[in-house]
Amino acid sequence: MALALALSARDCDGVEAALSPAPLNDPEYIKLLIDLLPLEWHKSHENIVSHLQALKPAAAVSVLSSVAVTKYPYLEYDNSLALARKCTWALADIGTDDAKEALVRISRCGEVEIEVYAVKRLKNWKKELARKGWKTECLLARLVKLFGNGKTYIE
């Protein structure tokens, strides 16, 4: 896979080229995106976040939460705010309880501009339900939380 090769070679241009076109819901590709996102040597953070936002993998919550408050030198022209905003959108679109909790943490990160992005996504959580990445496992987890044994209600 081209993205794996670019990652192992630390090839900035190769990463950018491998991001398009993106395979849909390929677990290996998603893992590579998650592994690649926080690394400082490339300049594709915003594009990777956009791919994760579209794919909505629950496994990306932790890295998106971390990257939302990370400052990358090449993004100093806007203090990494566009990246932070994209991360909050991606978390909101993933839509799991963990993603919502990550937004709550970001809303208390101590950087007002970033906190505002997270607060807005939390404030609009219910209005944006149609955008959420509600997969079967997410729905089952919600049922278990609500009813104690969601499996009984599904079968």
N, C-alpha and C. Protein backbone atom coordinates (compact mmCIF):
# COMPACT_ATOMS: atom_id res chain seq x y z
N MET A 1 0.85 -1.18 0.00
CA MET A 1 0.00 0.00 0.00
C MET A 1 0.90 1.24 0.00
N ALA A 2 0.58 2.18 -0.86
CA ALA A 2 1.41 3.38 -1.05
C ALA A 2 1.54 4.20 0.23
N LEU A 3 0.47 4.28 1.03
CA LEU A 3 0.54 5.06 2.26
C LEU A 3 1.51 4.43 3.25
N ALA A 4 1.51 3.12 3.35
CA ALA A 4 2.43 2.42 4.25
C ALA A 4 3.88 2.67 3.83
N LEU A 5 4.13 2.64 2.54
CA LEU A 5 5.49 2.90 2.04
C LEU A 5 5.93 4.33 2.35
N ALA A 6 5.02 5.28 2.14
CA ALA A 6 5.35 6.68 2.42
C ALA A 6 5.60 6.90 3.90
N LEU A 7 4.83 6.23 4.74
CA LEU A 7 5.01 6.35 6.18
C LEU A 7 6.37 5.79 6.59
N SER A 8 6.71 4.60 6.12
CA SER A 8 7.99 4.00 6.52
C SER A 8 9.19 4.78 5.97
N ALA A 9 9.02 5.42 4.81
CA ALA A 9 10.11 6.20 4.22
C ALA A 9 10.12 7.65 4.70
N ARG A 10 9.13 8.02 5.50
CA ARG A 10 8.98 9.41 5.96
C ARG A 10 9.00 10.37 4.76
N ASP A 11 8.19 10.01 3.76
CA ASP A 11 8.14 10.73 2.49
C ASP A 11 6.91 11.64 2.47
N CYS A 12 7.13 12.95 2.72
CA CYS A 12 6.02 13.92 2.77
C CYS A 12 5.20 13.92 1.48
N ASP A 13 5.86 13.99 0.35
CA ASP A 13 5.15 14.02 -0.93
C ASP A 13 4.43 12.70 -1.17
N GLY A 14 5.04 11.61 -0.77
CA GLY A 14 4.42 10.30 -0.92
C GLY A 14 3.16 10.16 -0.08
N VAL A 15 3.18 10.73 1.12
CA VAL A 15 1.99 10.71 1.97
C VAL A 15 0.86 11.45 1.28
N GLU A 16 1.15 12.65 0.81
CA GLU A 16 0.13 13.46 0.15
C GLU A 16 -0.45 12.74 -1.07
N ALA A 17 0.42 12.14 -1.86
CA ALA A 17 -0.04 11.43 -3.06
C ALA A 17 -0.87 10.20 -2.70
N ALA A 18 -0.51 9.52 -1.62
CA ALA A 18 -1.21 8.29 -1.23
C ALA A 18 -2.57 8.56 -0.61
N LEU A 19 -2.82 9.79 -0.21
CA LEU A 19 -4.10 10.11 0.42
C LEU A 19 -5.24 10.20 -0.59
N SER A 20 -4.92 10.30 -1.87
CA SER A 20 -5.97 10.45 -2.86
C SER A 20 -5.70 9.52 -4.03
N PRO A 21 -6.60 8.69 -4.41
CA PRO A 21 -7.91 8.46 -3.83
C PRO A 21 -7.81 7.55 -2.60
N ALA A 22 -8.71 7.75 -1.68
CA ALA A 22 -8.69 6.99 -0.43
C ALA A 22 -9.57 5.75 -0.54
N PRO A 23 -9.04 4.59 -0.11
CA PRO A 23 -9.90 3.40 -0.08
C PRO A 23 -10.97 3.57 1.00
N LEU A 24 -12.14 3.08 0.75
CA LEU A 24 -13.24 3.23 1.71
C LEU A 24 -13.24 2.09 2.72
N ASN A 25 -13.26 2.44 3.97
CA ASN A 25 -13.39 1.50 5.09
C ASN A 25 -12.42 0.34 5.05
N ASP A 26 -11.21 0.57 4.60
CA ASP A 26 -10.15 -0.43 4.64
C ASP A 26 -9.48 -0.30 6.00
N PRO A 27 -9.63 -1.30 6.88
CA PRO A 27 -9.08 -1.20 8.25
C PRO A 27 -7.59 -0.90 8.28
N GLU A 28 -6.83 -1.45 7.32
CA GLU A 28 -5.39 -1.19 7.28
C GLU A 28 -5.11 0.28 6.95
N TYR A 29 -5.86 0.82 6.02
CA TYR A 29 -5.72 2.23 5.63
C TYR A 29 -6.07 3.14 6.80
N ILE A 30 -7.17 2.83 7.49
CA ILE A 30 -7.60 3.63 8.64
C ILE A 30 -6.52 3.62 9.72
N LYS A 31 -5.95 2.43 9.99
CA LYS A 31 -4.88 2.34 11.00
C LYS A 31 -3.67 3.18 10.59
N LEU A 32 -3.32 3.15 9.31
CA LEU A 32 -2.20 3.97 8.84
C LEU A 32 -2.50 5.46 9.03
N LEU A 33 -3.72 5.88 8.72
CA LEU A 33 -4.08 7.29 8.92
C LEU A 33 -3.94 7.68 10.39
N ILE A 34 -4.42 6.82 11.27
CA ILE A 34 -4.36 7.08 12.71
C ILE A 34 -2.91 7.14 13.18
N ASP A 35 -2.08 6.22 12.70
CA ASP A 35 -0.67 6.20 13.08
C ASP A 35 0.08 7.43 12.53
N LEU A 36 -0.27 7.84 11.34
CA LEU A 36 0.42 8.93 10.66
C LEU A 36 0.02 10.31 11.19
N LEU A 37 -1.23 10.46 11.59
CA LEU A 37 -1.75 11.79 11.94
C LEU A 37 -0.88 12.57 12.92
N PRO A 38 -0.46 12.04 14.06
CA PRO A 38 0.26 12.89 15.02
C PRO A 38 1.73 13.15 14.68
N LEU A 39 2.27 12.45 13.69
CA LEU A 39 3.70 12.60 13.39
C LEU A 39 4.00 13.98 12.82
N GLU A 40 5.11 14.55 13.26
CA GLU A 40 5.43 15.93 12.92
C GLU A 40 6.15 16.11 11.60
N TRP A 41 6.69 15.07 11.01
CA TRP A 41 7.55 15.22 9.84
C TRP A 41 6.80 15.46 8.53
N HIS A 42 5.50 15.25 8.49
CA HIS A 42 4.76 15.47 7.24
C HIS A 42 3.91 16.74 7.36
N LYS A 43 3.27 17.10 6.26
CA LYS A 43 2.45 18.32 6.23
C LYS A 43 1.05 18.01 5.70
N SER A 44 0.53 16.86 6.09
CA SER A 44 -0.77 16.41 5.59
C SER A 44 -1.80 16.25 6.70
N HIS A 45 -1.58 16.90 7.83
CA HIS A 45 -2.47 16.73 8.97
C HIS A 45 -3.92 17.06 8.63
N GLU A 46 -4.15 18.18 7.98
CA GLU A 46 -5.53 18.58 7.68
C GLU A 46 -6.19 17.60 6.71
N ASN A 47 -5.45 17.12 5.71
CA ASN A 47 -6.01 16.14 4.78
C ASN A 47 -6.32 14.82 5.46
N ILE A 48 -5.44 14.39 6.35
CA ILE A 48 -5.68 13.14 7.08
C ILE A 48 -6.93 13.28 7.95
N VAL A 49 -7.07 14.41 8.64
CA VAL A 49 -8.26 14.62 9.47
C VAL A 49 -9.51 14.60 8.60
N SER A 50 -9.45 15.19 7.42
CA SER A 50 -10.61 15.17 6.51
C SER A 50 -10.99 13.75 6.12
N HIS A 51 -9.98 12.91 5.86
CA HIS A 51 -10.26 11.51 5.54
C HIS A 51 -10.88 10.80 6.74
N LEU A 52 -10.34 11.04 7.92
CA LEU A 52 -10.90 10.41 9.12
C LEU A 52 -12.32 10.90 9.38
N GLN A 53 -12.57 12.16 9.12
CA GLN A 53 -13.92 12.69 9.30
C GLN A 53 -14.89 11.95 8.37
N ALA A 54 -14.48 11.72 7.14
CA ALA A 54 -15.35 11.03 6.18
C ALA A 54 -15.56 9.56 6.55
N LEU A 55 -14.50 8.91 7.06
CA LEU A 55 -14.57 7.49 7.39
C LEU A 55 -15.21 7.23 8.75
N LYS A 56 -15.10 8.20 9.67
CA LYS A 56 -15.71 8.15 11.00
C LYS A 56 -15.31 6.93 11.86
N PRO A 57 -14.03 6.59 11.91
CA PRO A 57 -13.65 5.43 12.73
C PRO A 57 -13.56 5.80 14.21
N ALA A 58 -14.21 5.04 15.04
CA ALA A 58 -14.18 5.28 16.48
C ALA A 58 -12.76 5.19 17.03
N ALA A 59 -11.92 4.39 16.38
CA ALA A 59 -10.53 4.22 16.83
C ALA A 59 -9.71 5.49 16.70
N ALA A 60 -10.20 6.49 15.98
CA ALA A 60 -9.45 7.74 15.77
C ALA A 60 -9.70 8.78 16.85
N VAL A 61 -10.61 8.53 17.78
CA VAL A 61 -10.99 9.55 18.77
C VAL A 61 -9.79 10.05 19.55
N SER A 62 -8.98 9.19 20.07
CA SER A 62 -7.85 9.59 20.91
C SER A 62 -6.86 10.47 20.15
N VAL A 63 -6.49 10.05 18.95
CA VAL A 63 -5.50 10.82 18.19
C VAL A 63 -6.08 12.16 17.74
N LEU A 64 -7.35 12.19 17.35
CA LEU A 64 -7.98 13.46 16.96
C LEU A 64 -8.02 14.43 18.14
N SER A 65 -8.31 13.90 19.31
CA SER A 65 -8.35 14.71 20.53
C SER A 65 -6.99 15.32 20.82
N SER A 66 -5.96 14.53 20.66
CA SER A 66 -4.59 14.99 20.91
C SER A 66 -4.15 16.00 19.86
N VAL A 67 -4.38 15.71 18.61
CA VAL A 67 -3.94 16.58 17.51
C VAL A 67 -4.69 17.91 17.55
N ALA A 68 -5.91 17.92 18.04
CA ALA A 68 -6.69 19.16 18.11
C ALA A 68 -5.99 20.25 18.92
N VAL A 69 -5.17 19.85 19.87
CA VAL A 69 -4.50 20.84 20.72
C VAL A 69 -2.98 20.86 20.51
N THR A 70 -2.53 20.24 19.43
CA THR A 70 -1.10 20.22 19.11
C THR A 70 -0.78 21.35 18.13
N LYS A 71 0.34 21.97 18.33
CA LYS A 71 0.80 23.05 17.44
C LYS A 71 1.92 22.50 16.55
N TYR A 72 1.68 22.57 15.25
CA TYR A 72 2.68 22.13 14.28
C TYR A 72 3.34 23.37 13.68
N PRO A 73 4.67 23.41 13.64
CA PRO A 73 5.38 24.61 13.17
C PRO A 73 4.94 25.09 11.79
N TYR A 74 4.67 24.18 10.87
CA TYR A 74 4.30 24.62 9.53
C TYR A 74 2.89 25.23 9.48
N LEU A 75 2.12 25.08 10.54
CA LEU A 75 0.78 25.67 10.62
C LEU A 75 0.74 26.89 11.54
N GLU A 76 1.91 27.44 11.85
CA GLU A 76 1.96 28.58 12.77
C GLU A 76 1.28 29.83 12.21
N TYR A 77 1.08 29.90 10.90
CA TYR A 77 0.44 31.07 10.31
C TYR A 77 -0.96 31.31 10.88
N ASP A 78 -1.62 30.23 11.34
CA ASP A 78 -2.93 30.41 11.97
C ASP A 78 -2.99 29.72 13.34
N ASN A 79 -1.80 29.46 13.91
CA ASN A 79 -1.68 28.83 15.22
C ASN A 79 -2.34 27.45 15.27
N SER A 80 -2.35 26.77 14.13
CA SER A 80 -2.96 25.44 13.98
C SER A 80 -4.47 25.43 14.23
N LEU A 81 -5.11 26.56 14.14
CA LEU A 81 -6.54 26.64 14.44
C LEU A 81 -7.41 25.93 13.41
N ALA A 82 -7.06 25.99 12.13
CA ALA A 82 -7.85 25.28 11.12
C ALA A 82 -7.80 23.78 11.39
N LEU A 83 -6.64 23.28 11.76
CA LEU A 83 -6.51 21.87 12.09
C LEU A 83 -7.35 21.53 13.31
N ALA A 84 -7.29 22.34 14.33
CA ALA A 84 -8.08 22.10 15.54
C ALA A 84 -9.57 22.06 15.22
N ARG A 85 -10.00 23.00 14.38
CA ARG A 85 -11.42 23.04 14.01
C ARG A 85 -11.82 21.77 13.25
N LYS A 86 -10.97 21.33 12.33
CA LYS A 86 -11.26 20.10 11.59
C LYS A 86 -11.33 18.90 12.53
N CYS A 87 -10.45 18.88 13.52
CA CYS A 87 -10.48 17.77 14.49
C CYS A 87 -11.79 17.75 15.28
N THR A 88 -12.27 18.93 15.67
CA THR A 88 -13.53 18.95 16.43
C THR A 88 -14.70 18.50 15.54
N TRP A 89 -14.69 18.88 14.28
CA TRP A 89 -15.72 18.41 13.35
C TRP A 89 -15.63 16.89 13.18
N ALA A 90 -14.42 16.37 13.02
CA ALA A 90 -14.25 14.92 12.85
C ALA A 90 -14.76 14.17 14.08
N LEU A 91 -14.43 14.67 15.26
CA LEU A 91 -14.93 14.03 16.48
C LEU A 91 -16.45 14.07 16.55
N ALA A 92 -17.03 15.21 16.21
CA ALA A 92 -18.49 15.33 16.23
C ALA A 92 -19.11 14.36 15.23
N ASP A 93 -18.51 14.22 14.06
CA ASP A 93 -19.07 13.32 13.05
C ASP A 93 -18.88 11.86 13.41
N ILE A 94 -17.82 11.52 14.13
CA ILE A 94 -17.66 10.14 14.61
C ILE A 94 -18.84 9.82 15.52
N GLY A 95 -19.17 10.75 16.40
CA GLY A 95 -20.44 10.69 17.12
C GLY A 95 -20.59 9.70 18.25
N THR A 96 -19.53 9.05 18.67
CA THR A 96 -19.63 8.10 19.78
C THR A 96 -19.59 8.85 21.12
N ASP A 97 -19.92 8.13 22.18
CA ASP A 97 -19.83 8.74 23.51
C ASP A 97 -18.39 9.17 23.80
N ASP A 98 -17.42 8.35 23.38
CA ASP A 98 -16.01 8.71 23.58
C ASP A 98 -15.65 9.99 22.83
N ALA A 99 -16.17 10.13 21.62
CA ALA A 99 -15.91 11.34 20.83
C ALA A 99 -16.51 12.56 21.52
N LYS A 100 -17.69 12.40 22.07
CA LYS A 100 -18.33 13.51 22.78
C LYS A 100 -17.52 13.88 24.03
N GLU A 101 -17.04 12.88 24.75
CA GLU A 101 -16.22 13.13 25.93
C GLU A 101 -14.91 13.84 25.54
N ALA A 102 -14.35 13.46 24.39
CA ALA A 102 -13.13 14.12 23.90
C ALA A 102 -13.41 15.60 23.62
N LEU A 103 -14.56 15.89 23.04
CA LEU A 103 -14.94 17.29 22.80
C LEU A 103 -15.10 18.05 24.11
N VAL A 104 -15.64 17.41 25.12
CA VAL A 104 -15.76 18.05 26.44
C VAL A 104 -14.37 18.39 26.97
N ARG A 105 -13.43 17.45 26.85
CA ARG A 105 -12.06 17.71 27.31
C ARG A 105 -11.43 18.87 26.52
N ILE A 106 -11.63 18.87 25.21
CA ILE A 106 -11.08 19.95 24.38
C ILE A 106 -11.71 21.28 24.77
N SER A 107 -12.97 21.26 25.14
CA SER A 107 -13.66 22.50 25.52
C SER A 107 -13.09 23.11 26.80
N ARG A 108 -12.19 22.38 27.46
CA ARG A 108 -11.55 22.86 28.69
C ARG A 108 -10.03 22.87 28.55
N CYS A 109 -9.54 22.95 27.32
CA CYS A 109 -8.09 22.80 27.06
C CYS A 109 -7.27 24.02 27.45
N GLY A 110 -7.91 25.16 27.67
CA GLY A 110 -7.17 26.36 28.06
C GLY A 110 -6.84 27.29 26.91
N GLU A 111 -7.19 26.90 25.68
CA GLU A 111 -6.99 27.77 24.52
C GLU A 111 -8.36 28.17 24.01
N VAL A 112 -8.73 29.42 24.25
CA VAL A 112 -10.08 29.90 24.02
C VAL A 112 -10.59 29.60 22.61
N GLU A 113 -9.77 29.86 21.60
CA GLU A 113 -10.23 29.65 20.22
C GLU A 113 -10.61 28.20 19.98
N ILE A 114 -9.81 27.28 20.48
CA ILE A 114 -10.08 25.85 20.31
C ILE A 114 -11.27 25.43 21.16
N GLU A 115 -11.35 25.96 22.37
CA GLU A 115 -12.50 25.64 23.23
C GLU A 115 -13.81 26.02 22.55
N VAL A 116 -13.82 27.16 21.88
CA VAL A 116 -15.04 27.62 21.19
C VAL A 116 -15.47 26.62 20.13
N TYR A 117 -14.52 26.07 19.37
CA TYR A 117 -14.86 25.07 18.35
C TYR A 117 -15.52 23.85 18.99
N ALA A 118 -14.94 23.37 20.08
CA ALA A 118 -15.47 22.18 20.74
C ALA A 118 -16.85 22.46 21.34
N VAL A 119 -17.01 23.61 21.96
CA VAL A 119 -18.30 23.97 22.55
C VAL A 119 -19.38 24.03 21.47
N LYS A 120 -19.04 24.58 20.32
CA LYS A 120 -20.03 24.67 19.24
C LYS A 120 -20.46 23.28 18.78
N ARG A 121 -19.52 22.36 18.65
CA ARG A 121 -19.88 20.99 18.23
C ARG A 121 -20.74 20.31 19.30
N LEU A 122 -20.44 20.56 20.57
CA LEU A 122 -21.25 19.98 21.65
C LEU A 122 -22.65 20.60 21.67
N LYS A 123 -22.70 21.90 21.46
CA LYS A 123 -23.99 22.60 21.47
C LYS A 123 -24.90 22.11 20.33
N ASN A 124 -24.29 21.77 19.20
CA ASN A 124 -25.06 21.32 18.04
C ASN A 124 -25.15 19.80 17.92
N TRP A 125 -24.74 19.09 18.95
CA TRP A 125 -24.67 17.62 18.91
C TRP A 125 -25.98 17.01 18.42
N LYS A 126 -27.09 17.37 19.03
CA LYS A 126 -28.38 16.77 18.67
C LYS A 126 -28.84 17.21 17.29
N LYS A 127 -28.57 18.47 16.91
CA LYS A 127 -28.97 18.95 15.58
C LYS A 127 -28.20 18.23 14.48
N GLU A 128 -27.02 17.72 14.80
CA GLU A 128 -26.15 17.11 13.80
C GLU A 128 -26.16 15.58 13.85
N LEU A 129 -27.19 15.00 14.46
CA LEU A 129 -27.23 13.54 14.60
C LEU A 129 -27.15 12.81 13.26
N ALA A 130 -27.71 13.39 12.22
CA ALA A 130 -27.69 12.74 10.90
C ALA A 130 -26.26 12.58 10.36
N ARG A 131 -25.34 13.40 10.83
CA ARG A 131 -23.94 13.35 10.37
C ARG A 131 -23.13 12.30 11.11
N LYS A 132 -23.62 11.84 12.25
CA LYS A 132 -22.84 10.97 13.11
C LYS A 132 -22.58 9.62 12.47
N GLY A 133 -21.46 9.02 12.82
CA GLY A 133 -21.08 7.72 12.30
C GLY A 133 -21.66 6.59 13.13
N TRP A 134 -22.96 6.50 13.16
CA TRP A 134 -23.63 5.48 13.97
C TRP A 134 -23.54 4.13 13.28
N LYS A 135 -22.58 3.35 13.66
CA LYS A 135 -22.41 2.00 13.14
C LYS A 135 -23.20 1.05 14.04
N THR A 136 -23.36 -0.18 13.61
CA THR A 136 -24.12 -1.17 14.38
C THR A 136 -23.55 -1.32 15.79
N GLU A 137 -22.20 -1.39 15.91
CA GLU A 137 -21.61 -1.58 17.23
C GLU A 137 -21.86 -0.38 18.13
N CYS A 138 -21.92 0.80 17.54
CA CYS A 138 -22.21 2.02 18.31
C CYS A 138 -23.65 1.98 18.82
N LEU A 139 -24.56 1.59 17.94
CA LEU A 139 -25.97 1.49 18.33
C LEU A 139 -26.14 0.44 19.42
N LEU A 140 -25.48 -0.71 19.28
CA LEU A 140 -25.57 -1.75 20.30
C LEU A 140 -25.04 -1.25 21.64
N ALA A 141 -23.93 -0.55 21.63
CA ALA A 141 -23.37 0.00 22.87
C ALA A 141 -24.35 0.96 23.52
N ARG A 142 -25.04 1.77 22.72
CA ARG A 142 -26.03 2.70 23.27
C ARG A 142 -27.21 1.95 23.88
N LEU A 143 -27.64 0.87 23.21
CA LEU A 143 -28.75 0.08 23.75
C LEU A 143 -28.36 -0.59 25.06
N VAL A 144 -27.15 -1.12 25.12
CA VAL A 144 -26.67 -1.73 26.37
C VAL A 144 -26.65 -0.69 27.48
N LYS A 145 -26.18 0.50 27.16
CA LYS A 145 -26.13 1.57 28.16
C LYS A 145 -27.54 1.95 28.63
N LEU A 146 -28.48 2.00 27.70
CA LEU A 146 -29.85 2.39 28.04
C LEU A 146 -30.62 1.30 28.75
N PHE A 147 -30.50 0.06 28.26
CA PHE A 147 -31.35 -1.01 28.75
C PHE A 147 -30.64 -2.09 29.55
N GLY A 148 -29.33 -2.00 29.65
CA GLY A 148 -28.59 -2.99 30.42
C GLY A 148 -28.15 -4.18 29.59
N ASN A 149 -28.99 -4.68 28.70
CA ASN A 149 -28.63 -5.79 27.83
C ASN A 149 -29.24 -5.54 26.47
N GLY A 150 -28.60 -4.74 25.68
CA GLY A 150 -29.10 -4.35 24.37
C GLY A 150 -29.33 -5.54 23.45
N LYS A 151 -28.56 -6.62 23.64
CA LYS A 151 -28.69 -7.79 22.77
C LYS A 151 -30.10 -8.38 22.87
N THR A 152 -30.67 -8.40 24.05
CA THR A 152 -32.01 -8.92 24.24
C THR A 152 -33.03 -8.15 23.38
N TYR A 153 -32.84 -6.87 23.24
CA TYR A 153 -33.77 -6.04 22.51
C TYR A 153 -33.56 -6.09 21.01
N ILE A 154 -32.40 -6.58 20.57
CA ILE A 154 -32.12 -6.64 19.15
C ILE A 154 -32.57 -7.97 18.56
N GLU A 155 -32.39 -9.05 19.30
CA GLU A 155 -32.71 -10.38 18.77
C GLU A 155 -34.20 -10.64 18.75
